[in-house]
C-alpha cells in the first residue's frame, strides 16, 4: 500500500466519522425537540383568554371567536421550535398570528424551556411592538363616563382593528361599562420633531404606563415607555407641571366611582382610590390662569414670586348649583383647553399657595375642561394641615406608631368624612358634560 493511499484512507475515515457525529447530533436534537413538543402538547395549543377577571351574576363569561384555526396554529407554531427564528419570516404574519406565537411561546416555556428562548422571544415581541408603534391607526377603548381612555385594572385596551375593538365594547357593556372604540393615530406625522407627539406621548400626561393589545383575543401587555420616552428624557428644558400620577389617580377613581355596580368590598376599593387621589392632589404643583399688575418674578420652575405691590386676579368657575371654584390645571394640555387664547397667563403654584388664593370661593376645580374634580375649601385646608403634621413629625425624627393606616391616611380619612374629598356626583356622565356654566374674573 502506497503512502498516498494510507493518508487518503485516514482522511476519508475522519470525514466519515465527522459526518456520523453530525448525524448523531442532529438525531439527538430532533429527539429533544420531539420530547419538548410532547410535553408542550399535553395542554394543546393556547386558546383565547377571558377579557378580564370581572364576573357578572347571571351572565356567562364572554369569549370571543378564535381567529385562528387549529390547522393554522399547528402550521405556524412549528416556528417556535426553530433554533433561530427568522425576523424576515415574522413580517408576513398577521398581528393575531404574532400574538398567538408570543402567547404559546411564553406558556410553553414555563412547562419546558425552549433552547434560545430569550433571543427568539425578543424577536416576536419586538415585531409586535414595532407594528403598534408604526401603525397608521389604532383603536382605543374610551370611557364615556370620564371622556378618557378606559382604565381596566391599571391597563388601557388598544386594538389592531376596529372590528376587534367594537366586539370588545359590546363585551364590556355586559359588565355595565359605557365605552366607545375611538380611532387614534399612533403618530401625528408632523414635520417638526418638536411638534411630533404621538398618542403614546399623550398617555404620559394621563399617567397611563401600561396597555394591552387586542385584549379578549390573543393579546400581549406592553409599557408606554417601550414606544416613546417620557418628556423629561427628550432633553427639553420645560419645567412646567405635568402630574401624571395625579391624573391617573383621578381617572382611576372616577371610572370606579361612576361604575353602576355593586360588589364585595366596593366601598373599601373606592376609599383607597380616593385616598391615593387625595395624597397626589395635595403634593402637586398646578398651572393657574392669572392676570397681574405690578412687579412679579418668574422662577425657573414657572412659579411666580410677588411683592406687596403686585395685584393679581384669577378667573372663577360657577357650577350649576351656584358655587364658585378656582380653576387649576395639572398640565399645559389641560390648561390650553380653556385658556389657550385668553387674556390669562398660566402661572405655577403649589397646593399651599392655592389654598391662600381660594379666599371666599367654595374650593378648586381640577381640570375643568377634563376630569372636573372639585375639592371644597374646608377639605383643602384639612389636607394641607394633615401634610404639615406628617412633615413636622418626620422632621423631628419621630417614628409613627405601627397601625393599619399612616398618620397622613388617618388625617385625610378624618378630613374626608361625610362627602369625601371630591364633590362629584356618582352618576353616569358623558364626554359632553361641562361642570361650568360660565366663568368670571374677580380680584
Protein backbone atom coordinates (compact mmCIF):
# COMPACT_ATOMS: atom_id res chain seq x y z
CA UNK A 1 0.00 0.00 0.00
CA UNK A 2 1.39 3.37 -1.00
CA UNK A 3 1.82 6.28 1.35
CA UNK A 4 -0.86 8.35 -0.52
CA UNK A 5 -3.36 5.54 -0.08
CA UNK A 6 -2.56 5.38 3.64
CA UNK A 7 -3.12 9.09 4.27
CA UNK A 8 -6.06 9.16 1.88
CA UNK A 9 -7.74 6.40 3.86
CA UNK A 10 -7.23 8.18 7.17
CA UNK A 11 -8.74 11.42 5.77
CA UNK A 12 -11.75 9.55 4.43
CA UNK A 13 -12.30 7.83 7.78
CA UNK A 14 -12.09 11.17 9.61
CA UNK A 15 -14.66 12.71 7.28
CA UNK A 16 -16.98 9.75 7.70
CA UNK A 17 -16.58 9.92 11.46
CA UNK A 18 -17.37 13.67 11.49
CA UNK A 19 -20.39 13.11 9.26
CA UNK A 20 -21.60 10.36 11.55
CA UNK A 21 -21.12 12.61 14.57
CA UNK A 22 -23.15 15.36 12.90
CA UNK A 23 -25.89 12.88 12.11
CA UNK A 24 -25.97 11.67 15.70
CA UNK A 25 -26.15 15.26 17.00
CA UNK A 26 -28.96 16.07 14.54
CA UNK A 27 -30.88 12.98 15.67
CA UNK A 28 -30.28 13.95 19.29
CA UNK A 29 -31.63 17.46 18.67
CA UNK A 30 -34.59 16.06 16.78
CA UNK A 31 -35.34 13.71 19.65
CA UNK A 32 -35.04 16.54 22.17
CA UNK A 33 -37.45 18.68 20.13
CA UNK A 34 -39.88 15.77 19.83
CA UNK A 35 -39.81 15.29 23.61
CA UNK A 36 -40.23 19.07 24.09
CA UNK A 37 -43.26 19.11 21.77
CA UNK A 38 -44.76 16.17 23.61
CA UNK A 39 -44.52 17.99 26.93
CA UNK A 40 -45.99 21.16 25.43
CA UNK A 41 -48.79 19.42 23.60
CA UNK A 42 -50.13 17.80 26.76
CA UNK A 43 -52.15 21.02 27.15
CA UNK A 44 -52.56 21.69 23.44
CA UNK A 45 -52.17 25.00 21.64
CA UNK A 46 -53.39 28.07 23.54
CA UNK A 47 -56.94 29.29 23.16
CA UNK A 48 -58.36 32.75 23.85
CA UNK A 49 -58.22 34.01 27.42
CA UNK A 50 -61.01 35.90 29.23
CA UNK A 51 -61.35 39.60 28.62
CA UNK A 52 -60.75 40.36 32.32
CA UNK A 53 -61.47 38.82 35.76
CA UNK A 54 -64.85 40.56 36.16
CA UNK A 55 -67.79 38.21 36.62
CA UNK A 56 -71.38 39.37 36.19
CA UNK A 57 -74.06 37.48 38.09
CA UNK A 58 -76.47 35.64 35.82
CA UNK A 59 -74.31 36.02 32.68
CA UNK A 60 -71.94 33.61 31.01
CA UNK A 61 -68.30 34.56 30.66
CA UNK A 62 -67.62 36.37 27.41
CA UNK A 63 -65.34 34.50 24.99
CA UNK A 64 -64.60 35.84 21.51
CA UNK A 65 -64.39 33.77 18.34
CA UNK A 66 -60.90 32.36 17.84
CA UNK A 67 -59.40 33.99 14.72
CA UNK A 68 -57.03 31.05 14.13
CA UNK A 69 -57.94 27.52 13.12
CA UNK A 70 -56.28 24.51 14.73
CA UNK A 71 -54.59 23.79 11.41
CA UNK A 72 -53.10 27.29 11.25
CA UNK A 73 -51.88 27.07 14.82
CA UNK A 74 -50.14 23.78 14.07
CA UNK A 75 -48.60 25.23 10.92
CA UNK A 76 -47.14 28.43 12.36
CA UNK A 77 -46.49 27.00 15.82
CA UNK A 78 -43.63 24.88 14.48
CA UNK A 79 -41.60 28.08 14.16
CA UNK A 80 -41.25 28.14 17.94
CA UNK A 81 -39.03 25.06 17.79
CA UNK A 82 -36.54 26.60 15.37
CA UNK A 83 -33.09 27.25 16.79
CA UNK A 84 -33.16 30.82 15.46
CA UNK A 85 -36.48 32.36 14.43
CA UNK A 86 -36.22 34.38 11.23
CA UNK A 87 -37.20 38.03 11.68
CA UNK A 88 -37.87 38.24 7.94
CA UNK A 89 -40.41 35.43 8.20
CA UNK A 90 -42.23 37.18 11.07
CA UNK A 91 -43.06 40.13 8.83
CA UNK A 92 -45.51 38.00 6.85
CA UNK A 93 -47.61 37.06 9.89
CA UNK A 94 -50.77 38.90 10.92
CA UNK A 95 -50.96 40.64 14.30
CA UNK A 96 -53.11 37.87 15.76
CA UNK A 97 -50.71 35.21 14.48
CA UNK A 98 -47.80 37.02 16.13
CA UNK A 99 -49.72 37.40 19.38
CA UNK A 100 -50.60 33.71 19.26
CA UNK A 101 -46.94 32.80 18.80
CA UNK A 102 -45.93 35.01 21.72
CA UNK A 103 -48.67 33.54 23.92
CA UNK A 104 -47.73 29.96 23.05
CA UNK A 105 -44.03 30.66 23.47
CA UNK A 106 -44.45 32.15 26.94
CA UNK A 107 -46.86 29.48 28.13
CA UNK A 108 -44.90 26.51 26.81
CA UNK A 109 -41.60 27.85 28.11
CA UNK A 110 -42.99 27.62 31.64
CA UNK A 111 -43.80 23.96 31.07
CA UNK A 112 -40.47 23.07 29.45
CA UNK A 113 -37.88 25.66 28.44
CA UNK A 114 -37.16 26.39 24.78
CA UNK A 115 -33.48 26.46 23.73
CA UNK A 116 -32.64 30.09 22.84
CA UNK A 117 -35.90 31.33 24.37
CA UNK A 118 -34.75 34.84 25.30
CA UNK A 119 -33.46 35.79 21.85
CA UNK A 120 -36.40 34.28 19.96
CA UNK A 121 -38.95 35.73 22.36
CA UNK A 122 -37.45 39.20 21.87
CA UNK A 123 -37.77 38.87 18.10
CA UNK A 124 -41.51 38.17 18.24
CA UNK A 125 -42.05 40.76 20.98
CA UNK A 126 -40.21 43.46 19.02
CA UNK A 127 -42.13 42.72 15.84
CA UNK A 128 -45.45 43.25 17.63
CA UNK A 129 -44.20 46.36 19.41
CA UNK A 130 -42.91 47.83 16.17
CA UNK A 131 -46.26 47.34 14.47
CA UNK A 132 -48.05 49.12 17.30
CA UNK A 133 -45.55 51.97 17.23
CA UNK A 134 -45.73 52.35 13.42
CA UNK A 135 -49.47 51.78 12.98
CA UNK A 136 -51.27 54.42 10.94
CA UNK A 137 -54.34 53.90 13.12
CA UNK A 138 -55.06 52.20 16.42
CA UNK A 139 -58.44 51.66 18.07
CA UNK A 140 -58.58 52.59 21.74
CA UNK A 141 -61.40 51.95 24.19
CA UNK A 142 -62.57 55.24 25.74
CA UNK A 143 -64.76 55.50 28.82
CA UNK A 144 -67.83 57.68 28.20
CA UNK A 145 -68.15 58.49 31.90
CA UNK A 146 -64.68 60.09 32.03
CA UNK A 147 -64.02 61.04 28.41
CA UNK A 148 -60.56 59.44 28.62
CA UNK A 149 -59.07 56.01 27.78
CA UNK A 150 -60.80 53.31 29.78
CA UNK A 151 -58.74 52.02 32.69
CA UNK A 152 -59.20 48.31 33.32
CA UNK A 153 -57.15 47.09 36.29
CA UNK A 154 -54.48 49.69 35.53
CA UNK A 155 -54.29 48.96 31.79
CA UNK A 156 -55.90 50.54 28.74
CA UNK A 157 -57.07 48.46 25.79
CA UNK A 158 -55.67 49.08 22.31
CA UNK A 159 -56.85 47.08 19.27
CA UNK A 160 -55.25 46.42 15.92
CA UNK A 161 -58.61 46.54 14.11
CA UNK A 162 -61.90 48.36 14.54
CA UNK A 163 -63.78 45.06 14.36
CA UNK A 164 -61.94 43.69 17.40
CA UNK A 165 -62.42 46.95 19.29
CA UNK A 166 -66.16 47.05 18.61
CA UNK A 167 -66.50 43.44 19.76
CA UNK A 168 -64.75 44.37 23.00
CA UNK A 169 -67.07 47.36 23.52
CA UNK A 170 -70.08 45.02 23.36
CA UNK A 171 -68.44 42.61 25.80
CA UNK A 172 -67.64 45.38 28.30
CA UNK A 173 -71.24 46.61 28.02
CA UNK A 174 -72.30 43.36 29.69
CA UNK A 175 -70.11 44.48 32.61
CA UNK A 176 -72.04 47.78 32.67
CA UNK A 177 -69.20 49.76 31.14
CA UNK A 178 -70.13 52.55 28.71
CA UNK A 179 -67.29 52.55 26.21
CA UNK A 180 -66.60 53.56 22.63
CA UNK A 181 -63.91 52.44 20.20
CA UNK A 182 -62.05 55.57 19.17
CA UNK A 183 -59.62 55.59 16.24
CA UNK A 184 -56.32 57.19 17.29
CA UNK A 185 -53.29 57.99 15.17
CA UNK A 186 -50.21 56.44 16.67
CA UNK A 187 -48.16 59.27 15.12
CA UNK A 188 -49.37 62.75 14.17
CA UNK A 189 -46.85 62.84 11.29
CA UNK A 190 -45.81 66.43 12.00
CA UNK A 191 -42.72 67.52 10.12
CA UNK A 192 -41.17 69.20 13.15
CA UNK A 193 -39.71 66.82 15.74
CA UNK A 194 -40.80 69.30 18.42
CA UNK A 195 -44.45 69.03 17.35
CA UNK A 196 -44.37 65.32 16.56
CA UNK A 197 -46.16 63.95 19.57
CA UNK A 198 -47.89 60.60 19.31
CA UNK A 199 -50.83 59.07 21.10
CA UNK A 200 -48.34 57.41 23.40
CA UNK A 201 -46.81 60.77 24.29
CA UNK A 202 -50.30 61.89 25.34
CA UNK A 203 -50.66 58.82 27.56
CA UNK A 204 -47.71 60.05 29.64
CA UNK A 205 -49.70 63.10 30.76
CA UNK A 206 -52.52 60.79 31.83
CA UNK A 207 -50.14 58.68 33.89
CA UNK A 208 -51.01 55.63 31.77
CA UNK A 209 -47.93 53.43 31.53
CA UNK A 210 -49.39 50.03 30.61
CA UNK A 211 -51.57 48.83 27.76
CA UNK A 212 -52.90 45.59 26.32
CA UNK A 213 -53.00 44.87 22.59
CA UNK A 214 -56.10 43.01 21.34
CA UNK A 215 -57.49 42.09 24.76
CA UNK A 216 -60.04 39.28 24.51
CA UNK A 217 -58.20 37.74 21.56
CA UNK A 218 -54.56 36.63 21.55
CA UNK A 219 -53.02 39.51 23.43
CA UNK A 220 -49.87 40.92 24.97
CA UNK A 221 -49.03 43.52 27.62
CA UNK A 222 -46.65 46.38 26.91
CA UNK A 223 -45.31 49.53 28.57
CA UNK A 224 -45.81 53.00 27.15
CA UNK A 225 -42.11 53.72 27.70
CA UNK A 226 -41.24 50.98 25.21
CA UNK A 227 -42.84 53.13 22.49
CA UNK A 228 -41.75 56.66 23.44
CA UNK A 229 -39.66 58.24 26.17
CA UNK A 230 -41.10 60.46 28.90
CA UNK A 231 -40.86 64.25 28.34
CA UNK A 232 -38.01 64.53 30.81
CA UNK A 233 -35.99 62.18 28.60
CA UNK A 234 -36.32 64.36 25.50
CA UNK A 235 -33.59 66.73 26.65
CA UNK A 236 -36.07 69.60 26.86
CA UNK A 237 -35.99 72.39 29.45
CA UNK A 238 -39.75 72.61 30.00
CA UNK A 239 -40.23 72.58 33.77
CA UNK A 240 -43.98 73.16 33.72
CA UNK A 241 -46.16 70.83 35.84
CA UNK A 242 -47.19 67.51 34.36
CA UNK A 243 -48.60 65.45 37.28
CA UNK A 244 -49.16 62.08 35.54
CA UNK A 245 -49.60 60.29 38.88
CA UNK A 246 -52.35 62.66 39.97
CA UNK A 247 -54.22 62.46 36.66
CA UNK A 248 -54.05 58.66 36.69
CA UNK A 249 -55.41 58.51 40.24
CA UNK A 250 -58.27 60.85 39.26
CA UNK A 251 -59.23 58.78 36.22
CA UNK A 252 -58.97 55.55 38.19
CA UNK A 253 -61.20 56.94 40.93
CA UNK A 254 -63.79 58.42 38.56
CA UNK A 255 -64.02 55.25 36.50
CA UNK A 256 -64.64 53.21 39.63
CA UNK A 257 -67.00 55.68 41.31
CA UNK A 258 -69.22 56.05 38.23
CA UNK A 259 -69.38 52.33 37.50
CA UNK A 260 -73.00 51.44 38.40
CA UNK A 261 -72.38 48.07 40.04
CA UNK A 262 -72.17 46.52 43.48
CA UNK A 263 -69.58 44.04 44.64
CA UNK A 264 -67.98 42.93 47.87
CA UNK A 265 -65.60 45.50 49.39
CA UNK A 266 -66.54 48.14 46.80
CA UNK A 267 -66.59 50.83 49.48
CA UNK A 268 -63.09 49.87 50.58
CA UNK A 269 -61.82 49.97 47.00
CA UNK A 270 -63.34 53.40 46.42
CA UNK A 271 -61.92 54.73 49.69
CA UNK A 272 -58.43 53.51 48.81
CA UNK A 273 -58.55 55.07 45.34
CA UNK A 274 -59.88 58.33 46.76
CA UNK A 275 -57.13 58.32 49.38
CA UNK A 276 -54.48 57.95 46.70
CA UNK A 277 -56.03 60.81 44.75
CA UNK A 278 -56.09 63.00 47.87
CA UNK A 279 -52.41 62.49 48.60
CA UNK A 280 -51.45 63.21 44.99
CA UNK A 281 -53.64 66.33 44.85
CA UNK A 282 -52.05 67.81 47.96
CA UNK A 283 -48.49 67.12 46.77
CA UNK A 284 -48.94 68.54 43.25
CA UNK A 285 -47.94 71.80 41.59
CA UNK A 286 -50.60 73.30 39.33
CA UNK A 287 -50.96 75.76 36.47
CA UNK A 288 -53.41 78.55 37.34
CA UNK A 289 -54.74 81.18 34.89
CA UNK A 290 -53.80 84.60 36.27
CA UNK A 291 -53.56 88.30 35.48
CA UNK A 292 -51.26 90.60 37.41
CA UNK A 293 -50.33 94.26 37.73
CA UNK A 294 -47.07 95.34 39.28
CA UNK A 295 -43.74 93.55 39.82
CA UNK A 296 -43.52 89.78 39.67
CA UNK A 297 -40.59 87.37 39.48
CA UNK A 298 -40.92 84.18 37.47
CA UNK A 299 -38.85 81.32 38.93
CA UNK A 300 -37.07 78.66 36.85
CA UNK A 301 -39.84 76.14 37.54
CA UNK A 302 -42.57 78.55 36.41
CA UNK A 303 -43.67 79.63 39.90
CA UNK A 304 -44.43 83.29 40.49
CA UNK A 305 -42.99 85.37 43.31
CA UNK A 306 -44.95 88.51 44.17
CA UNK A 307 -44.30 91.66 46.13
CA UNK A 308 -46.68 93.65 48.31
CA UNK A 309 -47.33 95.97 45.34
CA UNK A 310 -48.45 93.18 43.00
CA UNK A 311 -52.14 92.93 42.23
CA UNK A 312 -53.34 89.59 40.94
CA UNK A 313 -56.62 88.33 39.54
CA UNK A 314 -57.87 84.82 38.95
CA UNK A 315 -60.88 83.56 37.00
CA UNK A 316 -63.54 81.59 38.77
CA UNK A 317 -65.93 78.97 37.52
CA UNK A 318 -69.53 78.87 38.64
CA UNK A 319 -71.13 75.46 38.88
CA UNK A 320 -74.76 74.65 38.17
CA UNK A 321 -75.56 74.86 41.88
CA UNK A 322 -74.19 78.44 42.03
CA UNK A 323 -70.92 77.59 43.76
CA UNK A 324 -67.69 79.34 42.80
CA UNK A 325 -64.43 77.49 42.17
CA UNK A 326 -60.89 78.47 41.27
CA UNK A 327 -59.81 76.52 38.13
CA UNK A 328 -56.45 74.75 38.41
CA UNK A 329 -54.73 72.56 35.85
CA UNK A 330 -52.41 69.58 36.09
CA UNK A 331 -50.52 70.32 32.86
CA UNK A 332 -50.32 72.51 29.78
CA UNK A 333 -52.63 70.26 27.75
CA UNK A 334 -55.50 70.74 30.19
CA UNK A 335 -54.74 74.46 30.59
CA UNK A 336 -54.96 75.16 26.86
CA UNK A 337 -58.39 73.52 26.62
CA UNK A 338 -59.88 76.62 28.26
CA UNK A 339 -57.27 79.38 28.31
CA UNK A 340 -55.13 78.92 25.18
CA UNK A 341 -56.19 82.22 23.59
CA UNK A 342 -57.41 84.12 26.63
CA UNK A 343 -56.09 87.16 28.46
CA UNK A 344 -54.97 84.90 31.32
CA UNK A 345 -51.46 83.51 31.50
CA UNK A 346 -50.52 80.29 33.22
CA UNK A 347 -48.60 80.55 36.48
CA UNK A 348 -47.34 77.66 38.61
CA UNK A 349 -48.39 77.36 42.26
CA UNK A 350 -48.26 74.74 44.98
CA UNK A 351 -51.31 73.38 46.76
CA UNK A 352 -50.47 75.53 49.80
CA UNK A 353 -50.28 78.65 47.58
CA UNK A 354 -53.62 77.86 46.02
CA UNK A 355 -55.24 77.43 49.41
CA UNK A 356 -54.40 81.07 50.13
CA UNK A 357 -55.76 82.22 46.77
CA UNK A 358 -59.09 80.45 47.17
CA UNK A 359 -60.29 83.12 49.59
CA UNK A 360 -64.07 83.09 49.82
CA UNK A 361 -64.50 80.72 46.90
CA UNK A 362 -66.03 77.33 47.57
CA UNK A 363 -62.87 75.50 46.57
CA UNK A 364 -60.93 74.48 43.47
CA UNK A 365 -61.82 72.52 40.38
CA UNK A 366 -59.03 70.42 38.86
CA UNK A 367 -59.02 70.34 35.05
CA UNK A 368 -62.48 71.85 34.43
CA UNK A 369 -62.16 71.02 30.73
CA UNK A 370 -61.33 67.43 31.57
CA UNK A 371 -61.82 65.40 34.74
CA UNK A 372 -63.68 68.17 36.64
CA UNK A 373 -62.66 67.19 40.18
CA UNK A 374 -63.91 69.70 42.76
CA UNK A 375 -62.25 69.95 46.18
CA UNK A 376 -64.14 72.08 48.75
CA UNK A 377 -62.16 74.75 50.62
CA UNK A 378 -62.53 73.11 54.03
CA UNK A 379 -61.18 69.82 52.74
CA UNK A 380 -58.26 71.59 51.09
CA UNK A 381 -57.38 73.04 54.49
CA UNK A 382 -57.68 69.64 56.16
CA UNK A 383 -55.42 68.01 53.55
CA UNK A 384 -52.80 70.70 53.93
CA UNK A 385 -52.90 70.51 57.72
CA UNK A 386 -52.50 66.74 57.60
CA UNK A 387 -49.49 67.03 55.30
CA UNK A 388 -47.87 69.64 57.55
CA UNK A 389 -48.39 67.47 60.61
CA UNK A 390 -46.74 64.48 58.99
CA UNK A 391 -43.87 66.63 57.69
CA UNK A 392 -43.26 68.06 61.18
CA UNK A 393 -43.27 64.58 62.69
CA UNK A 394 -40.79 63.35 60.10
CA UNK A 395 -38.58 66.40 60.63
CA UNK A 396 -38.43 65.71 64.35
CA UNK A 397 -37.20 62.20 63.66
CA UNK A 398 -40.19 60.59 65.32
CA UNK A 399 -41.30 57.20 64.17
CA UNK A 400 -45.06 56.89 63.82
CA UNK A 401 -46.67 54.14 65.82
CA UNK A 402 -47.44 50.98 63.92
CA UNK A 403 -51.01 50.99 62.73
CA UNK A 404 -53.01 49.91 59.74
CA UNK A 405 -53.14 53.46 58.36
CA UNK A 406 -50.35 56.03 58.33
CA UNK A 407 -50.84 59.34 60.12
CA UNK A 408 -51.40 61.00 56.77
CA UNK A 409 -54.07 58.50 55.85
CA UNK A 410 -55.82 58.85 59.20
CA UNK A 411 -55.82 62.63 58.94
CA UNK A 412 -57.12 62.54 55.37
CA UNK A 413 -59.73 59.96 56.28
CA UNK A 414 -60.96 62.26 59.04
CA UNK A 415 -60.95 65.27 56.72
CA UNK A 416 -62.95 63.36 54.14
CA UNK A 417 -65.67 62.20 56.50
CA UNK A 418 -69.03 62.96 55.01
CA UNK A 419 -68.89 63.73 51.33
CA UNK A 420 -65.27 62.78 50.89
CA UNK A 421 -62.55 64.58 49.00
CA UNK A 422 -64.17 65.00 45.63
CA UNK A 423 -67.54 66.67 45.31
CA UNK A 424 -68.63 64.65 42.32
CA UNK A 425 -71.93 63.01 41.61
CA UNK A 426 -71.69 59.25 41.42
CA UNK A 427 -73.86 59.07 38.32
CA UNK A 428 -73.38 58.31 34.68
CA UNK A 429 -71.62 61.04 32.77
CA UNK A 430 -70.55 61.77 29.24
CA UNK A 431 -67.82 63.45 27.28
CA UNK A 432 -70.10 66.38 26.52
CA UNK A 433 -70.84 67.26 30.15
CA UNK A 434 -69.42 70.55 31.40
CA UNK A 435 -69.35 71.45 35.06
CA UNK A 436 -69.00 75.15 34.25
CA UNK A 437 -71.98 77.22 33.19
CA UNK A 438 -69.78 80.29 33.00
CA UNK A 439 -66.61 81.75 34.40
CA UNK A 440 -65.88 85.29 35.52
CA UNK A 441 -62.95 87.25 36.89
CA UNK A 442 -62.61 88.55 40.42
CA UNK A 443 -59.70 90.04 42.33
